[in-house]
Amino acid sequence: MIIFLYGPDDYRREEKKKYWVAEFEKKYSGLSIGHFDLIEAEALDEFRGFTRSQSIFEDKKLAVLENTYEMDEKQLAQVLAPLVNEKTTTILFSEKEAPNKALNFLLKKPATTEKFEYLKGQEWKDFVNRAARKLKISLSPEALLFLANVYQNNTWGFVTELEKIRDLKPTAIERRDLENLGLDVLPDFWSTMNGLKNQELAQRLTTLEKIFARNEPPPKIFNILSSLWREKIPQMAEYDLKIKSGKLDYEEALVDLVLSQEFGKSGF
């Protein structure tokens, strides 16, 4: 049996992987679990040995494979193909991307597959609310919306931030509390905003370069600026429409925002 989880939302995907492991542990008393990181040279041979070995004390095996695409996929396909309909052994995958042609059979029946794209719109807001309730955090609607905007497409970062907030301020939280706590939600973005407003184009470009050098996701930077830079809301809304329609990406929007400061209009 194959269970293939894939998609860019690492947090939700890893949570589902934990779910499956827990379900197997609950269901089978004679369960044997093996974890195999295919980036390691001996991992494939160890996996082979795990699937072939037999014991009177085992009635079910669960093999968790990681870094599936780090080895020759045709070679791996030869090993996996005979196990697709195996009843005793289940193979669990969790990968950021779908497999290519050589391993595409892992997504076909009888495999169980689930794709984890980043949540959008109401689905993302519902997730944000559920995560806050699960951690027993009371957030004002403004604080919740702010966090949701900042961490769009960064589910793991959002949940991590909630955990920090719970530890630092267990009472009801307003948006101003997020700013006063000085968490990763606003890592120097007040001063960064001032740099982006500088009259000198060179200074604005230098500031933007520093932001990109932090390796912060461009969607996160864009959403923070959209929330904080109120006088730019109409322009940011225009950028947002163009991003969603595929006419430009987040980095292009941020560069254009910096360049257009000098002329008072968008370059797109």
C-alpha atoms as a PDB file:
ATOM      1  CA  MET A   1       0.000   0.000   0.000  1.00  0.00           C
ATOM      2  CA  ILE A   2       1.196   3.514  -0.845  1.00  0.00           C
ATOM      3  CA  ILE A   3       0.328   6.763   0.951  1.00  0.00           C
ATOM      4  CA  PHE A   4       1.742   9.736  -0.941  1.00  0.00           C
ATOM      5  CA  LEU A   5       1.479  13.219   0.588  1.00  0.00           C
ATOM      6  CA  TYR A   6       2.835  16.126  -1.425  1.00  0.00           C
ATOM      7  CA  GLY A   7       2.628  19.890  -1.852  1.00  0.00           C
ATOM      8  CA  PRO A   8       4.353  23.096  -0.696  1.00  0.00           C
ATOM      9  CA  ASP A   9       2.506  23.475   2.627  1.00  0.00           C
ATOM     10  CA  ASP A  10       5.093  21.695   4.786  1.00  0.00           C
ATOM     11  CA  TYR A  11       3.274  22.173   8.086  1.00  0.00           C
ATOM     12  CA  ARG A  12      -0.072  20.667   7.115  1.00  0.00           C
ATOM     13  CA  ARG A  13       1.650  17.912   5.142  1.00  0.00           C
ATOM     14  CA  GLU A  14       3.880  16.929   8.065  1.00  0.00           C
ATOM     15  CA  GLU A  15       0.902  17.016  10.422  1.00  0.00           C
ATOM     16  CA  LYS A  16      -0.869  14.529   8.137  1.00  0.00           C
ATOM     17  CA  LYS A  17       2.217  12.317   8.114  1.00  0.00           C
ATOM     18  CA  LYS A  18       2.174  12.267  11.924  1.00  0.00           C
ATOM     19  CA  TYR A  19      -1.529  11.449  11.772  1.00  0.00           C
ATOM     20  CA  TRP A  20      -0.934   8.393   9.603  1.00  0.00           C
ATOM     21  CA  VAL A  21       1.884   7.107  11.810  1.00  0.00           C
ATOM     22  CA  ALA A  22      -0.307   7.534  14.913  1.00  0.00           C
ATOM     23  CA  GLU A  23      -3.226   5.764  13.215  1.00  0.00           C
ATOM     24  CA  PHE A  24      -1.073   2.766  12.319  1.00  0.00           C
ATOM     25  CA  GLU A  25       0.326   2.607  15.844  1.00  0.00           C
ATOM     26  CA  LYS A  26      -3.215   2.634  17.224  1.00  0.00           C
ATOM     27  CA  LYS A  27      -4.581   0.048  14.822  1.00  0.00           C
ATOM     28  CA  TYR A  28      -1.799  -2.555  14.760  1.00  0.00           C
ATOM     29  CA  SER A  29      -0.262  -3.965  17.925  1.00  0.00           C
ATOM     30  CA  GLY A  30       2.375  -5.866  15.946  1.00  0.00           C
ATOM     31  CA  LEU A  31       3.493  -2.867  13.923  1.00  0.00           C
ATOM     32  CA  SER A  32       7.071  -2.407  12.777  1.00  0.00           C
ATOM     33  CA  ILE A  33       8.023   1.141  11.688  1.00  0.00           C
ATOM     34  CA  GLY A  34      11.110   1.987   9.654  1.00  0.00           C
ATOM     35  CA  HIS A  35      12.362   5.463   8.713  1.00  0.00           C
ATOM     36  CA  PHE A  36      14.599   5.707   5.640  1.00  0.00           C
ATOM     37  CA  ASP A  37      16.280   8.895   4.438  1.00  0.00           C
ATOM     38  CA  LEU A  38      17.169   8.232   0.806  1.00  0.00           C
ATOM     39  CA  ILE A  39      19.838  10.905   0.847  1.00  0.00           C
ATOM     40  CA  GLU A  40      21.970   8.347   2.719  1.00  0.00           C
ATOM     41  CA  ALA A  41      23.859   5.837   0.611  1.00  0.00           C
ATOM     42  CA  GLU A  42      22.760   2.726   2.550  1.00  0.00           C
ATOM     43  CA  ALA A  43      19.106   3.741   2.918  1.00  0.00           C
ATOM     44  CA  LEU A  44      17.742   1.918  -0.141  1.00  0.00           C
ATOM     45  CA  ASP A  45      19.391  -1.382   0.827  1.00  0.00           C
ATOM     46  CA  GLU A  46      18.105  -0.971   4.385  1.00  0.00           C
ATOM     47  CA  PHE A  47      14.623  -0.308   3.023  1.00  0.00           C
ATOM     48  CA  ARG A  48      14.818  -3.440   0.866  1.00  0.00           C
ATOM     49  CA  GLY A  49      15.836  -5.473   3.898  1.00  0.00           C
ATOM     50  CA  PHE A  50      13.002  -4.003   5.956  1.00  0.00           C
ATOM     51  CA  THR A  51      10.356  -4.951   3.368  1.00  0.00           C
ATOM     52  CA  ARG A  52      11.706  -8.480   2.862  1.00  0.00           C
ATOM     53  CA  SER A  53      12.289  -9.484   6.468  1.00  0.00           C
ATOM     54  CA  GLN A  54       9.623 -11.486   8.251  1.00  0.00           C
ATOM     55  CA  SER A  55       8.841 -12.003  11.918  1.00  0.00           C
ATOM     56  CA  ILE A  56       6.085 -13.892  13.736  1.00  0.00           C
ATOM     57  CA  PHE A  57       5.695 -10.830  15.958  1.00  0.00           C
ATOM     58  CA  GLU A  58       4.924  -8.425  13.072  1.00  0.00           C
ATOM     59  CA  ASP A  59       1.524  -8.305  11.380  1.00  0.00           C
ATOM     60  CA  LYS A  60       2.062  -4.940   9.685  1.00  0.00           C
ATOM     61  CA  LYS A  61       4.975  -2.760   8.513  1.00  0.00           C
ATOM     62  CA  LEU A  62       5.091   0.983   7.925  1.00  0.00           C
ATOM     63  CA  ALA A  63       8.049   2.383   5.978  1.00  0.00           C
ATOM     64  CA  VAL A  64       8.447   6.171   6.055  1.00  0.00           C
ATOM     65  CA  LEU A  65      10.600   7.376   3.149  1.00  0.00           C
ATOM     66  CA  GLU A  66      12.202  10.816   3.085  1.00  0.00           C
ATOM     67  CA  ASN A  67      14.092  12.725   0.367  1.00  0.00           C
ATOM     68  CA  THR A  68      12.596  10.476  -2.266  1.00  0.00           C
ATOM     69  CA  TYR A  69      14.051  12.427  -5.181  1.00  0.00           C
ATOM     70  CA  GLU A  70      17.641  12.437  -3.898  1.00  0.00           C
ATOM     71  CA  MET A  71      18.468   9.163  -5.614  1.00  0.00           C
ATOM     72  CA  ASP A  72      18.090   7.706  -9.089  1.00  0.00           C
ATOM     73  CA  GLU A  73      14.331   7.601  -9.560  1.00  0.00           C
ATOM     74  CA  LYS A  74      14.350   4.776 -12.115  1.00  0.00           C
ATOM     75  CA  GLN A  75      16.285   2.615  -9.681  1.00  0.00           C
ATOM     76  CA  LEU A  76      13.869   3.499  -6.896  1.00  0.00           C
ATOM     77  CA  ALA A  77      10.895   2.779  -9.171  1.00  0.00           C
ATOM     78  CA  GLN A  78      12.159  -0.778  -9.723  1.00  0.00           C
ATOM     79  CA  VAL A  79      12.206  -1.319  -5.969  1.00  0.00           C
ATOM     80  CA  LEU A  80       8.841   0.295  -5.257  1.00  0.00           C
ATOM     81  CA  ALA A  81       6.734  -1.008  -8.144  1.00  0.00           C
ATOM     82  CA  PRO A  82       6.356  -4.585  -6.764  1.00  0.00           C
ATOM     83  CA  LEU A  83       5.220  -3.153  -3.411  1.00  0.00           C
ATOM     84  CA  VAL A  84       2.283  -1.083  -4.682  1.00  0.00           C
ATOM     85  CA  ASN A  85      -0.268  -3.834  -4.014  1.00  0.00           C
ATOM     86  CA  GLU A  86       1.537  -5.252  -0.978  1.00  0.00           C
ATOM     87  CA  LYS A  87      -0.907  -5.884   1.886  1.00  0.00           C
ATOM     88  CA  THR A  88       1.559  -6.226   4.749  1.00  0.00           C
ATOM     89  CA  THR A  89       3.812  -3.228   4.076  1.00  0.00           C
ATOM     90  CA  THR A  90       2.621   0.378   3.756  1.00  0.00           C
ATOM     91  CA  ILE A  91       5.010   3.007   2.368  1.00  0.00           C
ATOM     92  CA  LEU A  92       4.434   6.593   3.468  1.00  0.00           C
ATOM     93  CA  PHE A  93       5.884   9.525   1.499  1.00  0.00           C
ATOM     94  CA  SER A  94       5.862  13.250   2.278  1.00  0.00           C
ATOM     95  CA  GLU A  95       7.367  15.418  -0.456  1.00  0.00           C
ATOM     96  CA  LYS A  96       7.144  19.043  -1.526  1.00  0.00           C
ATOM     97  CA  GLU A  97       6.595  18.156  -5.199  1.00  0.00           C
ATOM     98  CA  ALA A  98       4.783  15.450  -7.139  1.00  0.00           C
ATOM     99  CA  PRO A  99       6.960  12.671  -8.562  1.00  0.00           C
ATOM    100  CA  ASN A 100       8.148  12.789 -12.165  1.00  0.00           C
ATOM    101  CA  LYS A 101       7.340  10.241 -14.856  1.00  0.00           C
ATOM    102  CA  ALA A 102       9.454   7.410 -13.447  1.00  0.00           C
ATOM    103  CA  LEU A 103       7.611   7.464 -10.109  1.00  0.00           C
ATOM    104  CA  ASN A 104       4.264   8.797 -11.306  1.00  0.00           C
ATOM    105  CA  PHE A 105       2.623   5.437 -10.577  1.00  0.00           C
ATOM    106  CA  LEU A 106       2.854   6.342  -6.875  1.00  0.00           C
ATOM    107  CA  LEU A 107      -0.028   8.793  -7.397  1.00  0.00           C
ATOM    108  CA  LYS A 108      -2.314   6.278  -9.116  1.00  0.00           C
ATOM    109  CA  LYS A 109      -4.785   3.855  -7.608  1.00  0.00           C
ATOM    110  CA  PRO A 110      -4.661   1.926  -5.372  1.00  0.00           C
ATOM    111  CA  ALA A 111      -2.395   4.560  -3.753  1.00  0.00           C
ATOM    112  CA  THR A 112      -3.857   7.000  -1.239  1.00  0.00           C
ATOM    113  CA  THR A 113      -2.748  10.519  -2.202  1.00  0.00           C
ATOM    114  CA  GLU A 114      -3.310  14.004  -0.808  1.00  0.00           C
ATOM    115  CA  LYS A 115      -2.023  17.333  -2.082  1.00  0.00           C
ATOM    116  CA  PHE A 116      -1.233  20.198   0.297  1.00  0.00           C
ATOM    117  CA  GLU A 117      -1.359  23.530  -1.485  1.00  0.00           C
ATOM    118  CA  TYR A 118      -1.221  26.727   0.559  1.00  0.00           C
ATOM    119  CA  LEU A 119      -4.674  27.643   1.786  1.00  0.00           C
ATOM    120  CA  LYS A 120      -6.323  30.738   0.348  1.00  0.00           C
ATOM    121  CA  GLY A 121      -9.223  33.016   1.205  1.00  0.00           C
ATOM    122  CA  GLN A 122     -11.793  31.660   3.632  1.00  0.00           C
ATOM    123  CA  GLU A 123     -10.018  28.303   3.980  1.00  0.00           C
ATOM    124  CA  TRP A 124      -6.896  30.101   5.251  1.00  0.00           C
ATOM    125  CA  LYS A 125      -8.956  32.258   7.656  1.00  0.00           C
ATOM    126  CA  ASP A 126     -10.698  29.142   8.989  1.00  0.00           C
ATOM    127  CA  PHE A 127      -7.325  27.446   9.533  1.00  0.00           C
ATOM    128  CA  VAL A 128      -6.015  30.539  11.345  1.00  0.00           C
ATOM    129  CA  ASN A 129      -9.043  30.522  13.654  1.00  0.00           C
ATOM    130  CA  ARG A 130      -8.765  26.796  14.361  1.00  0.00           C
ATOM    131  CA  ALA A 131      -5.050  27.061  15.132  1.00  0.00           C
ATOM    132  CA  ALA A 132      -5.656  29.926  17.579  1.00  0.00           C
ATOM    133  CA  ARG A 133      -8.475  28.038  19.319  1.00  0.00           C
ATOM    134  CA  LYS A 134      -6.391  24.864  19.534  1.00  0.00           C
ATOM    135  CA  LEU A 135      -3.648  26.773  21.361  1.00  0.00           C
ATOM    136  CA  LYS A 136      -6.298  28.554  23.490  1.00  0.00           C
ATOM    137  CA  ILE A 137      -5.163  31.975  22.304  1.00  0.00           C
ATOM    138  CA  SER A 138      -7.570  34.894  22.318  1.00  0.00           C
ATOM    139  CA  LEU A 139      -6.858  37.266  19.425  1.00  0.00           C
ATOM    140  CA  SER A 140      -8.849  40.311  18.412  1.00  0.00           C
ATOM    141  CA  PRO A 141     -10.172  40.200  14.808  1.00  0.00           C
ATOM    142  CA  GLU A 142      -7.578  42.843  13.851  1.00  0.00           C
ATOM    143  CA  ALA A 143      -4.703  40.880  15.400  1.00  0.00           C
ATOM    144  CA  LEU A 144      -5.884  37.655  13.779  1.00  0.00           C
ATOM    145  CA  LEU A 145      -6.209  39.279  10.351  1.00  0.00           C
ATOM    146  CA  PHE A 146      -2.784  40.866  10.711  1.00  0.00           C
ATOM    147  CA  LEU A 147      -1.124  37.536  11.514  1.00  0.00           C
ATOM    148  CA  ALA A 148      -3.022  35.826   8.702  1.00  0.00           C
ATOM    149  CA  ASN A 149      -1.818  38.436   6.200  1.00  0.00           C
ATOM    150  CA  VAL A 150       1.778  38.339   7.401  1.00  0.00           C
ATOM    151  CA  TYR A 151       2.020  34.557   7.280  1.00  0.00           C
ATOM    152  CA  GLN A 152       0.080  33.824   4.109  1.00  0.00           C
ATOM    153  CA  ASN A 153       1.887  30.915   2.381  1.00  0.00           C
ATOM    154  CA  ASN A 154       3.947  30.295   5.528  1.00  0.00           C
ATOM    155  CA  THR A 155       1.781  27.986   7.650  1.00  0.00           C
ATOM    156  CA  TRP A 156       4.690  26.701   9.690  1.00  0.00           C
ATOM    157  CA  GLY A 157       5.827  30.225  10.539  1.00  0.00           C
ATOM    158  CA  PHE A 158       2.288  31.184  11.524  1.00  0.00           C
ATOM    159  CA  VAL A 159       1.831  28.297  13.962  1.00  0.00           C
ATOM    160  CA  THR A 160       5.312  28.909  15.413  1.00  0.00           C
ATOM    161  CA  GLU A 161       4.405  32.569  15.943  1.00  0.00           C
ATOM    162  CA  LEU A 162       1.181  31.607  17.705  1.00  0.00           C
ATOM    163  CA  GLU A 163       3.140  29.380  20.085  1.00  0.00           C
ATOM    164  CA  LYS A 164       5.500  32.270  20.907  1.00  0.00           C
ATOM    165  CA  ILE A 165       2.577  34.602  21.500  1.00  0.00           C
ATOM    166  CA  ARG A 166       0.904  32.097  23.828  1.00  0.00           C
ATOM    167  CA  ASP A 167       4.056  31.792  25.914  1.00  0.00           C
ATOM    168  CA  LEU A 168       4.708  35.540  26.096  1.00  0.00           C
ATOM    169  CA  LYS A 169       1.213  36.918  26.540  1.00  0.00           C
ATOM    170  CA  PRO A 170      -1.475  34.408  27.501  1.00  0.00           C
ATOM    171  CA  THR A 171      -4.258  37.029  27.851  1.00  0.00           C
ATOM    172  CA  ALA A 172      -6.370  38.522  25.053  1.00  0.00           C
ATOM    173  CA  ILE A 173      -4.145  39.971  22.313  1.00  0.00           C
ATOM    174  CA  GLU A 174      -4.713  43.088  20.241  1.00  0.00           C
ATOM    175  CA  ARG A 175      -2.804  44.073  17.133  1.00  0.00           C
ATOM    176  CA  ARG A 176      -0.795  46.662  19.086  1.00  0.00           C
ATOM    177  CA  ASP A 177       0.367  43.844  21.400  1.00  0.00           C
ATOM    178  CA  LEU A 178       1.973  42.120  18.416  1.00  0.00           C
ATOM    179  CA  GLU A 179       3.938  45.265  17.707  1.00  0.00           C
ATOM    180  CA  ASN A 180       4.908  45.767  21.372  1.00  0.00           C
ATOM    181  CA  LEU A 181       6.004  42.158  21.863  1.00  0.00           C
ATOM    182  CA  GLY A 182       8.687  42.572  19.192  1.00  0.00           C
ATOM    183  CA  LEU A 183       8.265  39.042  17.855  1.00  0.00           C
ATOM    184  CA  ASP A 184       9.293  37.753  14.444  1.00  0.00           C
ATOM    185  CA  VAL A 185       6.013  39.082  13.109  1.00  0.00           C
ATOM    186  CA  LEU A 186       7.587  42.497  12.776  1.00  0.00           C
ATOM    187  CA  PRO A 187      11.355  41.974  12.536  1.00  0.00           C
ATOM    188  CA  ASP A 188      12.531  45.605  12.227  1.00  0.00           C
ATOM    189  CA  PHE A 189       9.811  46.339   9.698  1.00  0.00           C
ATOM    190  CA  TRP A 190       9.005  49.739  11.181  1.00  0.00           C
ATOM    191  CA  SER A 191      12.539  50.934  10.488  1.00  0.00           C
ATOM    192  CA  THR A 192      12.525  49.064   7.201  1.00  0.00           C
ATOM    193  CA  MET A 193       9.405  50.944   6.122  1.00  0.00           C
ATOM    194  CA  ASN A 194      11.132  54.224   6.870  1.00  0.00           C
ATOM    195  CA  GLY A 195      14.016  53.144   4.647  1.00  0.00           C
ATOM    196  CA  LEU A 196      11.617  52.362   1.810  1.00  0.00           C
ATOM    197  CA  LYS A 197      10.126  55.849   2.156  1.00  0.00           C
ATOM    198  CA  ASN A 198      13.490  57.555   1.845  1.00  0.00           C
ATOM    199  CA  GLN A 199      13.655  60.349  -0.754  1.00  0.00           C
ATOM    200  CA  GLU A 200      16.826  58.890  -2.243  1.00  0.00           C
ATOM    201  CA  LEU A 201      16.251  56.067  -4.729  1.00  0.00           C
ATOM    202  CA  ALA A 202      19.635  54.507  -3.906  1.00  0.00           C
ATOM    203  CA  GLN A 203      18.688  54.316  -0.210  1.00  0.00           C
ATOM    204  CA  ARG A 204      15.335  52.718  -1.016  1.00  0.00           C
ATOM    205  CA  LEU A 205      17.000  50.118  -3.237  1.00  0.00           C
ATOM    206  CA  THR A 206      19.613  49.397  -0.572  1.00  0.00           C
ATOM    207  CA  THR A 207      16.861  48.874   2.003  1.00  0.00           C
ATOM    208  CA  LEU A 208      14.988  46.495  -0.298  1.00  0.00           C
ATOM    209  CA  GLU A 209      18.202  44.575  -0.982  1.00  0.00           C
ATOM    210  CA  LYS A 210      18.675  44.138   2.777  1.00  0.00           C
ATOM    211  CA  ILE A 211      15.114  42.806   3.075  1.00  0.00           C
ATOM    212  CA  PHE A 212      15.702  40.244   0.325  1.00  0.00           C
ATOM    213  CA  ALA A 213      19.018  39.266   1.959  1.00  0.00           C
ATOM    214  CA  ARG A 214      17.127  38.188   5.090  1.00  0.00           C
ATOM    215  CA  ASN A 215      15.598  35.367   3.011  1.00  0.00           C
ATOM    216  CA  GLU A 216      12.122  36.362   4.149  1.00  0.00           C
ATOM    217  CA  PRO A 217       9.474  35.029   1.711  1.00  0.00           C
ATOM    218  CA  PRO A 218       8.481  37.858  -0.687  1.00  0.00           C
ATOM    219  CA  PRO A 219       4.732  37.190  -0.079  1.00  0.00           C
ATOM    220  CA  LYS A 220       5.338  37.762   3.652  1.00  0.00           C
ATOM    221  CA  ILE A 221       7.159  41.067   3.000  1.00  0.00           C
ATOM    222  CA  PHE A 222       4.410  42.189   0.639  1.00  0.00           C
ATOM    223  CA  ASN A 223       1.627  41.360   3.102  1.00  0.00           C
ATOM    224  CA  ILE A 224       3.369  43.096   6.006  1.00  0.00           C
ATOM    225  CA  LEU A 225       3.844  46.264   3.976  1.00  0.00           C
ATOM    226  CA  SER A 226       0.224  46.068   2.786  1.00  0.00           C
ATOM    227  CA  SER A 227      -0.949  45.932   6.399  1.00  0.00           C
ATOM    228  CA  LEU A 228       1.313  48.674   7.743  1.00  0.00           C
ATOM    229  CA  TRP A 229       1.767  51.180   4.903  1.00  0.00           C
ATOM    230  CA  ARG A 230      -1.760  52.594   4.886  1.00  0.00           C
ATOM    231  CA  GLU A 231      -1.183  55.358   2.344  1.00  0.00           C
ATOM    232  CA  LYS A 232      -0.094  52.717  -0.170  1.00  0.00           C
ATOM    233  CA  ILE A 233      -3.166  50.472   0.215  1.00  0.00           C
ATOM    234  CA  PRO A 234      -4.670  51.343  -3.223  1.00  0.00           C
ATOM    235  CA  GLN A 235      -1.338  50.738  -4.965  1.00  0.00           C
ATOM    236  CA  MET A 236      -0.763  47.484  -3.059  1.00  0.00           C
ATOM    237  CA  ALA A 237      -4.279  46.355  -4.018  1.00  0.00           C
ATOM    238  CA  GLU A 238      -3.409  46.917  -7.689  1.00  0.00           C
ATOM    239  CA  TYR A 239      -0.249  44.888  -7.293  1.00  0.00           C
ATOM    240  CA  ASP A 240      -2.229  42.142  -5.571  1.00  0.00           C
ATOM    241  CA  LEU A 241      -4.627  41.852  -8.509  1.00  0.00           C
ATOM    242  CA  LYS A 242      -1.735  41.638 -10.985  1.00  0.00           C
ATOM    243  CA  ILE A 243       0.045  39.021  -8.866  1.00  0.00           C
ATOM    244  CA  LYS A 244      -3.072  36.848  -8.646  1.00  0.00           C
ATOM    245  CA  SER A 245      -3.665  37.179 -12.393  1.00  0.00           C
ATOM    246  CA  GLY A 246      -0.061  36.104 -13.104  1.00  0.00           C
ATOM    247  CA  LYS A 247       1.050  39.417 -14.605  1.00  0.00           C
ATOM    248  CA  LEU A 248       3.904  39.835 -12.094  1.00  0.00           C
ATOM    249  CA  ASP A 249       5.302  38.182  -8.986  1.00  0.00           C
ATOM    250  CA  TYR A 250       5.825  39.466  -5.443  1.00  0.00           C
ATOM    251  CA  GLU A 251       9.474  40.431  -5.973  1.00  0.00           C
ATOM    252  CA  GLU A 252       8.614  42.435  -9.077  1.00  0.00           C
ATOM    253  CA  ALA A 253       5.848  44.231  -7.189  1.00  0.00           C
ATOM    254  CA  LEU A 254       8.215  45.179  -4.360  1.00  0.00           C
ATOM    255  CA  VAL A 255      10.875  46.454  -6.770  1.00  0.00           C
ATOM    256  CA  ASP A 256       8.292  48.467  -8.674  1.00  0.00           C
ATOM    257  CA  LEU A 257       6.960  49.914  -5.399  1.00  0.00           C
ATOM    258  CA  VAL A 258      10.440  51.172  -4.552  1.00  0.00           C
ATOM    259  CA  LEU A 259      11.107  52.582  -8.024  1.00  0.00           C
ATOM    260  CA  SER A 260       7.702  54.233  -8.342  1.00  0.00           C
ATOM    261  CA  GLN A 261       8.213  56.216  -5.135  1.00  0.00           C
ATOM    262  CA  GLU A 262      10.325  58.649  -7.102  1.00  0.00           C
ATOM    263  CA  PHE A 263       7.714  59.273  -9.785  1.00  0.00           C
ATOM    264  CA  GLY A 264       4.489  58.739  -7.856  1.00  0.00           C
ATOM    265  CA  LYS A 265       3.175  56.076 -10.210  1.00  0.00           C
ATOM    266  CA  SER A 266       3.555  52.397 -10.955  1.00  0.00           C
ATOM    267  CA  GLY A 267       5.930  51.263 -13.661  1.00  0.00           C
ATOM    268  CA  PHE A 268       3.655  48.353 -14.647  1.00  0.00           C
END
